[in-house]
PDB file of N, CA and C in Angstrom:
ATOM      1  N   UNK A   1     280.368   5.534 109.846  1.00  0.00           N
ATOM      2  CA  UNK A   1     279.397   6.541 110.240  1.00  0.00           C
ATOM      3  C   UNK A   1     279.862   7.142 111.569  1.00  0.00           C
ATOM      4  N   UNK A   2     279.930   8.477 111.627  1.00  0.00           N
ATOM      5  CA  UNK A   2     280.386   9.117 112.862  1.00  0.00           C
ATOM      6  C   UNK A   2     279.258   9.173 113.900  1.00  0.00           C
ATOM      7  N   UNK A   3     279.625   9.596 115.082  1.00  0.00           N
ATOM      8  CA  UNK A   3     278.667   9.569 116.196  1.00  0.00           C
ATOM      9  C   UNK A   3     277.476  10.500 115.954  1.00  0.00           C
ATOM     10  N   UNK A   4     277.732  11.653 115.341  1.00  0.00           N
ATOM     11  CA  UNK A   4     276.628  12.583 115.088  1.00  0.00           C
ATOM     12  C   UNK A   4     275.613  11.983 114.113  1.00  0.00           C
ATOM     13  N   UNK A   5     276.092  11.334 113.064  1.00  0.00           N
ATOM     14  CA  UNK A   5     275.191  10.698 112.095  1.00  0.00           C
ATOM     15  C   UNK A   5     274.406   9.570 112.753  1.00  0.00           C
ATOM     16  N   UNK A   6     275.068   8.823 113.625  1.00  0.00           N
ATOM     17  CA  UNK A   6     274.378   7.737 114.335  1.00  0.00           C
ATOM     18  C   UNK A   6     273.267   8.293 115.212  1.00  0.00           C
ATOM     19  N   UNK A   7     273.541   9.395 115.914  1.00  0.00           N
ATOM     20  CA  UNK A   7     272.527   9.993 116.785  1.00  0.00           C
ATOM     21  C   UNK A   7     271.340  10.497 115.968  1.00  0.00           C
ATOM     22  N   UNK A   8     271.625  11.112 114.841  1.00  0.00           N
ATOM     23  CA  UNK A   8     270.541  11.599 113.980  1.00  0.00           C
ATOM     24  C   UNK A   8     269.694  10.439 113.481  1.00  0.00           C
ATOM     25  N   UNK A   9     270.344   9.346 113.093  1.00  0.00           N
ATOM     26  CA  UNK A   9     269.593   8.158 112.664  1.00  0.00           C
ATOM     27  C   UNK A   9     268.696   7.642 113.776  1.00  0.00           C
ATOM     28  N   UNK A  10     269.215   7.612 115.006  1.00  0.00           N
ATOM     29  CA  UNK A  10     268.393   7.150 116.138  1.00  0.00           C
ATOM     30  C   UNK A  10     267.236   8.107 116.418  1.00  0.00           C
ATOM     31  N   UNK A  11     267.509   9.396 116.352  1.00  0.00           N
ATOM     32  CA  UNK A  11     266.451  10.388 116.582  1.00  0.00           C
ATOM     33  C   UNK A  11     265.331  10.218 115.552  1.00  0.00           C
ATOM     34  N   UNK A  12     265.734  10.074 114.307  1.00  0.00           N
ATOM     35  CA  UNK A  12     264.734   9.873 113.246  1.00  0.00           C
ATOM     36  C   UNK A  12     263.933   8.600 113.475  1.00  0.00           C
ATOM     37  N   UNK A  13     264.610   7.537 113.860  1.00  0.00           N
ATOM     38  CA  UNK A  13     263.919   6.265 114.098  1.00  0.00           C
ATOM     39  C   UNK A  13     262.967   6.388 115.288  1.00  0.00           C
ATOM     40  N   UNK A  14     263.443   6.982 116.378  1.00  0.00           N
ATOM     41  CA  UNK A  14     262.608   7.112 117.581  1.00  0.00           C
ATOM     42  C   UNK A  14     261.380   7.977 117.278  1.00  0.00           C
ATOM     43  N   UNK A  15     261.578   9.036 116.512  1.00  0.00           N
ATOM     44  CA  UNK A  15     260.440   9.917 116.229  1.00  0.00           C
ATOM     45  C   UNK A  15     259.362   9.216 115.405  1.00  0.00           C
ATOM     46  N   UNK A  16     259.734   8.139 114.715  1.00  0.00           N
ATOM     47  CA  UNK A  16     258.758   7.405 113.904  1.00  0.00           C
ATOM     48  C   UNK A  16     258.158   6.205 114.625  1.00  0.00           C
ATOM     49  N   UNK A  17     258.686   5.845 115.785  1.00  0.00           N
ATOM     50  CA  UNK A  17     258.205   4.661 116.510  1.00  0.00           C
ATOM     51  C   UNK A  17     256.771   4.891 116.973  1.00  0.00           C
ATOM     52  N   UNK A  18     255.914   3.923 116.729  1.00  0.00           N
ATOM     53  CA  UNK A  18     254.513   3.984 117.148  1.00  0.00           C
ATOM     54  C   UNK A  18     254.179   2.885 118.156  1.00  0.00           C
ATOM     55  N   UNK A  19     255.093   1.964 118.360  1.00  0.00           N
ATOM     56  CA  UNK A  19     254.862   0.816 119.218  1.00  0.00           C
ATOM     57  C   UNK A  19     255.120   1.178 120.682  1.00  0.00           C
ATOM     58  N   UNK A  20     254.104   1.020 121.519  1.00  0.00           N
ATOM     59  CA  UNK A  20     254.202   1.352 122.940  1.00  0.00           C
ATOM     60  C   UNK A  20     255.281   0.530 123.654  1.00  0.00           C
ATOM     61  N   UNK A  21     255.365  -0.746 123.304  1.00  0.00           N
ATOM     62  CA  UNK A  21     256.339  -1.619 123.959  1.00  0.00           C
ATOM     63  C   UNK A  21     257.767  -1.141 123.688  1.00  0.00           C
ATOM     64  N   UNK A  22     258.045  -0.751 122.464  1.00  0.00           N
ATOM     65  CA  UNK A  22     259.369  -0.254 122.111  1.00  0.00           C
ATOM     66  C   UNK A  22     259.662   1.047 122.861  1.00  0.00           C
ATOM     67  N   UNK A  23     258.687   1.923 122.925  1.00  0.00           N
ATOM     68  CA  UNK A  23     258.875   3.176 123.665  1.00  0.00           C
ATOM     69  C   UNK A  23     259.098   2.910 125.150  1.00  0.00           C
ATOM     70  N   UNK A  24     258.372   1.957 125.703  1.00  0.00           N
ATOM     71  CA  UNK A  24     258.573   1.592 127.112  1.00  0.00           C
ATOM     72  C   UNK A  24     260.002   1.110 127.347  1.00  0.00           C
ATOM     73  N   UNK A  25     260.493   0.270 126.438  1.00  0.00           N
ATOM     74  CA  UNK A  25     261.856  -0.241 126.568  1.00  0.00           C
ATOM     75  C   UNK A  25     262.883   0.889 126.474  1.00  0.00           C
ATOM     76  N   UNK A  26     262.657   1.829 125.576  1.00  0.00           N
ATOM     77  CA  UNK A  26     263.576   2.962 125.441  1.00  0.00           C
ATOM     78  C   UNK A  26     263.556   3.846 126.691  1.00  0.00           C
ATOM     79  N   UNK A  27     262.377   4.063 127.238  1.00  0.00           N
ATOM     80  CA  UNK A  27     262.266   4.856 128.467  1.00  0.00           C
ATOM     81  C   UNK A  27     262.960   4.161 129.628  1.00  0.00           C
ATOM     82  N   UNK A  28     262.820   2.846 129.729  1.00  0.00           N
ATOM     83  CA  UNK A  28     263.495   2.097 130.789  1.00  0.00           C
ATOM     84  C   UNK A  28     265.011   2.162 130.626  1.00  0.00           C
ATOM     85  N   UNK A  29     265.474   2.091 129.388  1.00  0.00           N
ATOM     86  CA  UNK A  29     266.902   2.209 129.123  1.00  0.00           C
ATOM     87  C   UNK A  29     267.415   3.569 129.555  1.00  0.00           C
ATOM     88  N   UNK A  30     266.660   4.598 129.265  1.00  0.00           N
ATOM     89  CA  UNK A  30     267.043   5.944 129.662  1.00  0.00           C
ATOM     90  C   UNK A  30     267.137   6.066 131.183  1.00  0.00           C
ATOM     91  N   UNK A  31     266.196   5.477 131.894  1.00  0.00           N
ATOM     92  CA  UNK A  31     266.182   5.535 133.355  1.00  0.00           C
ATOM     93  C   UNK A  31     267.367   4.796 133.968  1.00  0.00           C
ATOM     94  N   UNK A  32     267.814   3.728 133.300  1.00  0.00           N
ATOM     95  CA  UNK A  32     268.947   2.940 133.803  1.00  0.00           C
ATOM     96  C   UNK A  32     270.252   3.702 133.712  1.00  0.00           C
ATOM     97  N   UNK A  33     270.354   4.606 132.789  1.00  0.00           N
ATOM     98  CA  UNK A  33     271.595   5.322 132.533  1.00  0.00           C
ATOM     99  C   UNK A  33     271.677   6.562 133.418  1.00  0.00           C
ATOM    100  N   UNK A  34     271.790   6.352 134.704  1.00  0.00           N
ATOM    101  CA  UNK A  34     271.923   7.469 135.625  1.00  0.00           C
ATOM    102  C   UNK A  34     273.391   7.687 135.952  1.00  0.00           C
ATOM    103  N   UNK A  35     273.690   8.844 136.413  1.00  0.00           N
ATOM    104  CA  UNK A  35     275.054   9.189 136.802  1.00  0.00           C
ATOM    105  C   UNK A  35     275.415   8.402 138.059  1.00  0.00           C
ATOM    106  N   UNK A  36     276.588   7.784 138.072  1.00  0.00           N
ATOM    107  CA  UNK A  36     277.021   6.974 139.214  1.00  0.00           C
ATOM    108  C   UNK A  36     277.062   7.815 140.484  1.00  0.00           C
ATOM    109  N   UNK A  37     277.326   9.103 140.353  1.00  0.00           N
ATOM    110  CA  UNK A  37     277.399   9.982 141.524  1.00  0.00           C
ATOM    111  C   UNK A  37     276.064  10.016 142.264  1.00  0.00           C
ATOM    112  N   UNK A  38     274.970   9.971 141.514  1.00  0.00           N
ATOM    113  CA  UNK A  38     273.639  10.013 142.127  1.00  0.00           C
ATOM    114  C   UNK A  38     273.365   8.809 143.017  1.00  0.00           C
ATOM    115  N   UNK A  39     274.056   7.705 142.785  1.00  0.00           N
ATOM    116  CA  UNK A  39     273.807   6.498 143.570  1.00  0.00           C
ATOM    117  C   UNK A  39     274.663   6.441 144.843  1.00  0.00           C
ATOM    118  N   UNK A  40     275.545   7.417 145.038  1.00  0.00           N
ATOM    119  CA  UNK A  40     276.392   7.429 146.235  1.00  0.00           C
ATOM    120  C   UNK A  40     275.615   7.908 147.448  1.00  0.00           C
ATOM    121  N   UNK A  41     276.058   7.451 148.628  1.00  0.00           N
ATOM    122  CA  UNK A  41     275.436   7.964 149.846  1.00  0.00           C
ATOM    123  C   UNK A  41     276.031   9.338 150.178  1.00  0.00           C
ATOM    124  N   UNK A  42     275.421  10.039 151.101  1.00  0.00           N
ATOM    125  CA  UNK A  42     275.825  11.411 151.424  1.00  0.00           C
ATOM    126  C   UNK A  42     277.258  11.479 151.955  1.00  0.00           C
ATOM    127  N   UNK A  43     277.661  10.476 152.715  1.00  0.00           N
ATOM    128  CA  UNK A  43     279.025  10.455 153.263  1.00  0.00           C
ATOM    129  C   UNK A  43     280.060  10.405 152.136  1.00  0.00           C
ATOM    130  N   UNK A  44     279.819   9.559 151.148  1.00  0.00           N
ATOM    131  CA  UNK A  44     280.745   9.454 150.021  1.00  0.00           C
ATOM    132  C   UNK A  44     280.757  10.736 149.186  1.00  0.00           C
ATOM    133  N   UNK A  45     279.584  11.316 148.978  1.00  0.00           N
ATOM    134  CA  UNK A  45     279.510  12.573 148.225  1.00  0.00           C
ATOM    135  C   UNK A  45     280.290  13.675 148.940  1.00  0.00           C
ATOM    136  N   UNK A  46     280.150  13.719 150.259  1.00  0.00           N
ATOM    137  CA  UNK A  46     280.852  14.730 151.059  1.00  0.00           C
ATOM    138  C   UNK A  46     282.367  14.530 150.946  1.00  0.00           C
ATOM    139  N   UNK A  47     282.817  13.274 150.984  1.00  0.00           N
ATOM    140  CA  UNK A  47     284.248  12.987 150.869  1.00  0.00           C
ATOM    141  C   UNK A  47     284.779  13.406 149.501  1.00  0.00           C
ATOM    142  N   UNK A  48     284.020  13.165 148.463  1.00  0.00           N
ATOM    143  CA  UNK A  48     284.440  13.564 147.113  1.00  0.00           C
ATOM    144  C   UNK A  48     284.515  15.087 147.022  1.00  0.00           C
ATOM    145  N   UNK A  49     283.501  15.764 147.535  1.00  0.00           N
ATOM    146  CA  UNK A  49     283.492  17.228 147.503  1.00  0.00           C
ATOM    147  C   UNK A  49     284.664  17.805 148.285  1.00  0.00           C
ATOM    148  N   UNK A  50     284.991  17.192 149.415  1.00  0.00           N
ATOM    149  CA  UNK A  50     286.135  17.640 150.206  1.00  0.00           C
ATOM    150  C   UNK A  50     287.434  17.444 149.413  1.00  0.00           C
ATOM    151  N   UNK A  51     287.559  16.316 148.745  1.00  0.00           N
ATOM    152  CA  UNK A  51     288.741  16.059 147.935  1.00  0.00           C
ATOM    153  C   UNK A  51     288.890  17.055 146.800  1.00  0.00           C
ATOM    154  N   UNK A  52     287.777  17.409 146.172  1.00  0.00           N
ATOM    155  CA  UNK A  52     287.816  18.395 145.090  1.00  0.00           C
ATOM    156  C   UNK A  52     288.257  19.750 145.628  1.00  0.00           C
ATOM    157  N   UNK A  53     287.740  20.136 146.791  1.00  0.00           N
ATOM    158  CA  UNK A  53     288.150  21.397 147.409  1.00  0.00           C
ATOM    159  C   UNK A  53     289.643  21.398 147.717  1.00  0.00           C
ATOM    160  N   UNK A  54     290.149  20.268 148.226  1.00  0.00           N
ATOM    161  CA  UNK A  54     291.580  20.173 148.507  1.00  0.00           C
ATOM    162  C   UNK A  54     292.397  20.335 147.231  1.00  0.00           C
ATOM    163  N   UNK A  55     291.974  19.678 146.174  1.00  0.00           N
ATOM    164  CA  UNK A  55     292.682  19.810 144.895  1.00  0.00           C
ATOM    165  C   UNK A  55     292.640  21.249 144.391  1.00  0.00           C
ATOM    166  N   UNK A  56     291.478  21.881 144.506  1.00  0.00           N
ATOM    167  CA  UNK A  56     291.340  23.277 144.079  1.00  0.00           C
ATOM    168  C   UNK A  56     292.292  24.194 144.847  1.00  0.00           C
ATOM    169  N   UNK A  57     292.598  23.824 146.094  1.00  0.00           N
ATOM    170  CA  UNK A  57     293.499  24.612 146.949  1.00  0.00           C
ATOM    171  C   UNK A  57     294.933  24.082 146.937  1.00  0.00           C
ATOM    172  N   UNK A  58     295.232  23.231 145.957  1.00  0.00           N
ATOM    173  CA  UNK A  58     296.574  22.643 145.815  1.00  0.00           C
ATOM    174  C   UNK A  58     297.029  21.884 147.052  1.00  0.00           C
ATOM    175  N   UNK A  59     296.107  21.219 147.710  1.00  0.00           N
ATOM    176  CA  UNK A  59     296.429  20.386 148.866  1.00  0.00           C
ATOM    177  C   UNK A  59     296.316  18.933 148.423  1.00  0.00           C
ATOM    178  N   UNK A  60     297.450  18.338 148.085  1.00  0.00           N
ATOM    179  CA  UNK A  60     297.451  16.966 147.615  1.00  0.00           C
ATOM    180  C   UNK A  60     298.854  16.388 147.709  1.00  0.00           C
ATOM    181  N   UNK A  61     298.944  15.070 147.556  1.00  0.00           N
ATOM    182  CA  UNK A  61     300.221  14.376 147.511  1.00  0.00           C
ATOM    183  C   UNK A  61     300.470  13.914 146.083  1.00  0.00           C
ATOM    184  N   UNK A  62     301.720  13.972 145.670  1.00  0.00           N
ATOM    185  CA  UNK A  62     302.063  13.459 144.352  1.00  0.00           C
ATOM    186  C   UNK A  62     302.095  11.929 144.399  1.00  0.00           C
ATOM    187  N   UNK A  63     302.157  11.325 143.254  1.00  0.00           N
ATOM    188  CA  UNK A  63     302.243   9.871 143.165  1.00  0.00           C
ATOM    189  C   UNK A  63     303.470   9.362 143.918  1.00  0.00           C
ATOM    190  N   UNK A  64     304.588  10.026 143.732  1.00  0.00           N
ATOM    191  CA  UNK A  64     305.825   9.606 144.419  1.00  0.00           C
ATOM    192  C   UNK A  64     305.716   9.754 145.934  1.00  0.00           C
ATOM    193  N   UNK A  65     305.058  10.800 146.393  1.00  0.00           N
ATOM    194  CA  UNK A  65     304.874  10.977 147.828  1.00  0.00           C
ATOM    195  C   UNK A  65     304.019   9.860 148.418  1.00  0.00           C
ATOM    196  N   UNK A  66     302.977   9.491 147.721  1.00  0.00           N
ATOM    197  CA  UNK A  66     302.118   8.400 148.188  1.00  0.00           C
ATOM    198  C   UNK A  66     302.906   7.103 148.227  1.00  0.00           C
ATOM    199  N   UNK A  67     303.670   6.832 147.183  1.00  0.00           N
ATOM    200  CA  UNK A  67     304.484   5.608 147.154  1.00  0.00           C
ATOM    201  C   UNK A  67     305.473   5.575 148.316  1.00  0.00           C
ATOM    202  N   UNK A  68     306.096   6.697 148.623  1.00  0.00           N
ATOM    203  CA  UNK A  68     307.043   6.755 149.744  1.00  0.00           C
ATOM    204  C   UNK A  68     306.351   6.466 151.069  1.00  0.00           C
ATOM    205  N   UNK A  69     305.159   7.045 151.252  1.00  0.00           N
ATOM    206  CA  UNK A  69     304.418   6.801 152.497  1.00  0.00           C
ATOM    207  C   UNK A  69     304.034   5.329 152.631  1.00  0.00           C
ATOM    208  N   UNK A  70     303.646   4.715 151.535  1.00  0.00           N
ATOM    209  CA  UNK A  70     303.291   3.291 151.562  1.00  0.00           C
ATOM    210  C   UNK A  70     304.523   2.450 151.895  1.00  0.00           C
ATOM    211  N   UNK A  71     305.640   2.781 151.277  1.00  0.00           N
ATOM    212  CA  UNK A  71     306.881   2.040 151.571  1.00  0.00           C
ATOM    213  C   UNK A  71     307.240   2.148 153.041  1.00  0.00           C
ATOM    214  N   UNK A  72     307.137   3.350 153.600  1.00  0.00           N
ATOM    215  CA  UNK A  72     307.447   3.557 155.012  1.00  0.00           C
ATOM    216  C   UNK A  72     306.499   2.751 155.907  1.00  0.00           C
ATOM    217  N   UNK A  73     305.228   2.820 155.601  1.00  0.00           N
ATOM    218  CA  UNK A  73     304.225   2.164 156.438  1.00  0.00           C
ATOM    219  C   UNK A  73     304.362   0.645 156.415  1.00  0.00           C
ATOM    220  N   UNK A  74     304.654   0.074 155.245  1.00  0.00           N
ATOM    221  CA  UNK A  74     304.688  -1.365 155.106  1.00  0.00           C
ATOM    222  C   UNK A  74     306.113  -1.924 154.993  1.00  0.00           C
ATOM    223  N   UNK A  75     307.099  -1.086 155.296  1.00  0.00           N
ATOM    224  CA  UNK A  75     308.517  -1.486 155.289  1.00  0.00           C
ATOM    225  C   UNK A  75     308.959  -2.143 153.981  1.00  0.00           C
ATOM    226  N   UNK A  76     308.648  -1.502 152.881  1.00  0.00           N
ATOM    227  CA  UNK A  76     309.083  -2.018 151.576  1.00  0.00           C
ATOM    228  C   UNK A  76     310.519  -1.670 151.327  1.00  0.00           C
TER     229      UNK A  76
END
């Protein structure tokens, strides 16, 4: 069964649920599934946004450049 069929089966089942306890559990499950970004503090969000802006402006180091800097710093 593909994902779309599974979702339709769940939608049909949920629409028929009459039990308050089951609905409460489903609502709690929905609340638990929040985006990890929402749980970050403002400082971390700002750092991520700054990094995205740098990438958008082609300001970044390649994997090899990072490896070279690490080797230099730690005398590898």
